[in-house]
Amino acid sequence: MFKELNPLLHSELRLAIMSILISVEEADFVYLKDTTKSTSGNLSVQIDKLNEAGYIEVERGFAGKRTRTVCKITPAGVKAFGEYVEALKGYLKL
């Protein structure tokens, strides 16, 4: 009756990260941290989990003397997010 919700995306912070990235070309760590109101440590862990799953790409580099981490959603991430949204809609049709 109900489709299983992707447990990787069902986390509040990971879902927030994916929701942001689905609507922008890329987002840097500071923007994601400010927008989600998360701690640096928690955000870093969740970004790593999404990266390991292949849902996002992470590019680490430098902007001047500061490190800069930029995240982009992958085609696999777009597909997983779409499937998650469709599954969630099934729960809302009660």
C-alpha atoms as a PDB file:
ATOM      1  CA  MET A   1       0.000   0.000   0.000  1.00  0.00           C
ATOM      2  CA  PHE A   2       2.641   2.521   1.049  1.00  0.00           C
ATOM      3  CA  LYS A   3       5.989   2.801  -0.702  1.00  0.00           C
ATOM      4  CA  GLU A   4       9.013   2.608   1.563  1.00  0.00           C
ATOM      5  CA  LEU A   5      10.599   5.997   2.239  1.00  0.00           C
ATOM      6  CA  ASN A   6      14.305   6.165   1.458  1.00  0.00           C
ATOM      7  CA  PRO A   7      15.909   6.038   4.923  1.00  0.00           C
ATOM      8  CA  LEU A   8      18.898   8.067   3.747  1.00  0.00           C
ATOM      9  CA  LEU A   9      16.647  10.951   2.704  1.00  0.00           C
ATOM     10  CA  HIS A  10      14.231  10.587   5.607  1.00  0.00           C
ATOM     11  CA  SER A  11      16.661  12.341   7.956  1.00  0.00           C
ATOM     12  CA  GLU A  12      15.600  15.950   8.524  1.00  0.00           C
ATOM     13  CA  LEU A  13      19.004  17.486   7.797  1.00  0.00           C
ATOM     14  CA  ARG A  14      19.787  15.292   4.774  1.00  0.00           C
ATOM     15  CA  LEU A  15      16.357  16.043   3.363  1.00  0.00           C
ATOM     16  CA  ALA A  16      16.969  19.766   3.898  1.00  0.00           C
ATOM     17  CA  ILE A  17      20.337  19.553   2.122  1.00  0.00           C
ATOM     18  CA  MET A  18      18.795  17.727  -0.822  1.00  0.00           C
ATOM     19  CA  SER A  19      15.863  20.166  -0.952  1.00  0.00           C
ATOM     20  CA  ILE A  20      18.284  23.067  -1.229  1.00  0.00           C
ATOM     21  CA  LEU A  21      20.520  21.401  -3.802  1.00  0.00           C
ATOM     22  CA  ILE A  22      17.606  20.347  -6.027  1.00  0.00           C
ATOM     23  CA  SER A  23      16.792  24.017  -6.588  1.00  0.00           C
ATOM     24  CA  VAL A  24      20.287  25.487  -7.115  1.00  0.00           C
ATOM     25  CA  GLU A  25      23.240  24.688  -9.357  1.00  0.00           C
ATOM     26  CA  GLU A  26      25.548  24.386  -6.345  1.00  0.00           C
ATOM     27  CA  ALA A  27      25.793  25.486  -2.734  1.00  0.00           C
ATOM     28  CA  ASP A  28      28.792  26.006  -0.530  1.00  0.00           C
ATOM     29  CA  PHE A  29      29.155  24.684   2.998  1.00  0.00           C
ATOM     30  CA  VAL A  30      28.601  28.070   4.664  1.00  0.00           C
ATOM     31  CA  TYR A  31      25.343  28.613   2.753  1.00  0.00           C
ATOM     32  CA  LEU A  32      24.088  25.129   3.660  1.00  0.00           C
ATOM     33  CA  LYS A  33      25.081  25.641   7.304  1.00  0.00           C
ATOM     34  CA  ASP A  34      23.347  29.014   7.531  1.00  0.00           C
ATOM     35  CA  THR A  35      20.227  27.877   5.697  1.00  0.00           C
ATOM     36  CA  THR A  36      19.765  24.645   7.654  1.00  0.00           C
ATOM     37  CA  LYS A  37      20.857  26.180  10.983  1.00  0.00           C
ATOM     38  CA  SER A  38      22.966  23.080  11.631  1.00  0.00           C
ATOM     39  CA  THR A  39      26.321  22.729  13.317  1.00  0.00           C
ATOM     40  CA  SER A  40      29.433  22.364  11.194  1.00  0.00           C
ATOM     41  CA  GLY A  41      30.106  18.882  12.521  1.00  0.00           C
ATOM     42  CA  ASN A  42      26.604  17.545  11.904  1.00  0.00           C
ATOM     43  CA  LEU A  43      26.414  19.109   8.455  1.00  0.00           C
ATOM     44  CA  SER A  44      29.788  17.648   7.526  1.00  0.00           C
ATOM     45  CA  VAL A  45      28.700  14.134   8.556  1.00  0.00           C
ATOM     46  CA  GLN A  46      25.424  14.363   6.616  1.00  0.00           C
ATOM     47  CA  ILE A  47      27.168  15.729   3.501  1.00  0.00           C
ATOM     48  CA  ASP A  48      29.599  12.797   3.656  1.00  0.00           C
ATOM     49  CA  LYS A  49      26.705  10.308   3.851  1.00  0.00           C
ATOM     50  CA  LEU A  50      24.978  11.857   0.826  1.00  0.00           C
ATOM     51  CA  ASN A  51      28.279  11.930  -1.051  1.00  0.00           C
ATOM     52  CA  GLU A  52      29.010   8.266  -0.255  1.00  0.00           C
ATOM     53  CA  ALA A  53      25.541   7.342  -1.555  1.00  0.00           C
ATOM     54  CA  GLY A  54      26.302   9.153  -4.810  1.00  0.00           C
ATOM     55  CA  TYR A  55      23.480  11.655  -4.296  1.00  0.00           C
ATOM     56  CA  ILE A  56      25.758  14.694  -4.219  1.00  0.00           C
ATOM     57  CA  GLU A  57      29.225  15.641  -5.443  1.00  0.00           C
ATOM     58  CA  VAL A  58      31.537  17.470  -3.084  1.00  0.00           C
ATOM     59  CA  GLU A  59      34.383  19.660  -4.295  1.00  0.00           C
ATOM     60  CA  ARG A  60      36.870  20.875  -1.731  1.00  0.00           C
ATOM     61  CA  GLY A  61      39.253  23.675  -2.550  1.00  0.00           C
ATOM     62  CA  PHE A  62      40.375  27.113  -1.516  1.00  0.00           C
ATOM     63  CA  ALA A  63      38.940  30.596  -1.884  1.00  0.00           C
ATOM     64  CA  GLY A  64      41.929  32.744  -1.078  1.00  0.00           C
ATOM     65  CA  LYS A  65      43.364  31.333   2.145  1.00  0.00           C
ATOM     66  CA  ARG A  66      40.119  29.750   3.285  1.00  0.00           C
ATOM     67  CA  THR A  67      38.919  26.277   2.501  1.00  0.00           C
ATOM     68  CA  ARG A  68      35.758  26.099   0.433  1.00  0.00           C
ATOM     69  CA  THR A  69      33.458  23.115   0.123  1.00  0.00           C
ATOM     70  CA  VAL A  70      30.901  23.154  -2.685  1.00  0.00           C
ATOM     71  CA  CYS A  71      28.086  20.611  -3.067  1.00  0.00           C
ATOM     72  CA  LYS A  72      26.116  19.719  -6.188  1.00  0.00           C
ATOM     73  CA  ILE A  73      23.304  17.245  -6.617  1.00  0.00           C
ATOM     74  CA  THR A  74      23.995  14.339  -8.991  1.00  0.00           C
ATOM     75  CA  PRO A  75      21.571  12.737 -11.461  1.00  0.00           C
ATOM     76  CA  ALA A  76      21.269   9.829  -9.002  1.00  0.00           C
ATOM     77  CA  GLY A  77      20.404  12.340  -6.281  1.00  0.00           C
ATOM     78  CA  VAL A  78      17.748  13.985  -8.452  1.00  0.00           C
ATOM     79  CA  LYS A  79      16.227  10.554  -9.142  1.00  0.00           C
ATOM     80  CA  ALA A  80      16.308   9.509  -5.465  1.00  0.00           C
ATOM     81  CA  PHE A  81      14.790  12.820  -4.372  1.00  0.00           C
ATOM     82  CA  GLY A  82      12.006  12.521  -6.958  1.00  0.00           C
ATOM     83  CA  GLU A  83      11.228   8.968  -5.853  1.00  0.00           C
ATOM     84  CA  TYR A  84      11.185  10.080  -2.219  1.00  0.00           C
ATOM     85  CA  VAL A  85       8.758  12.920  -2.977  1.00  0.00           C
ATOM     86  CA  GLU A  86       6.483  10.578  -4.943  1.00  0.00           C
ATOM     87  CA  ALA A  87       6.498   8.016  -2.120  1.00  0.00           C
ATOM     88  CA  LEU A  88       5.702  10.752   0.394  1.00  0.00           C
ATOM     89  CA  LYS A  89       2.769  11.913  -1.736  1.00  0.00           C
ATOM     90  CA  GLY A  90       1.319   8.426  -1.352  1.00  0.00           C
ATOM     91  CA  TYR A  91       1.208   8.921   2.404  1.00  0.00           C
ATOM     92  CA  LEU A  92      -0.559  12.228   2.027  1.00  0.00           C
ATOM     93  CA  LYS A  93      -3.416  10.842  -0.083  1.00  0.00           C
ATOM     94  CA  LEU A  94      -5.127   9.206   2.893  1.00  0.00           C
END
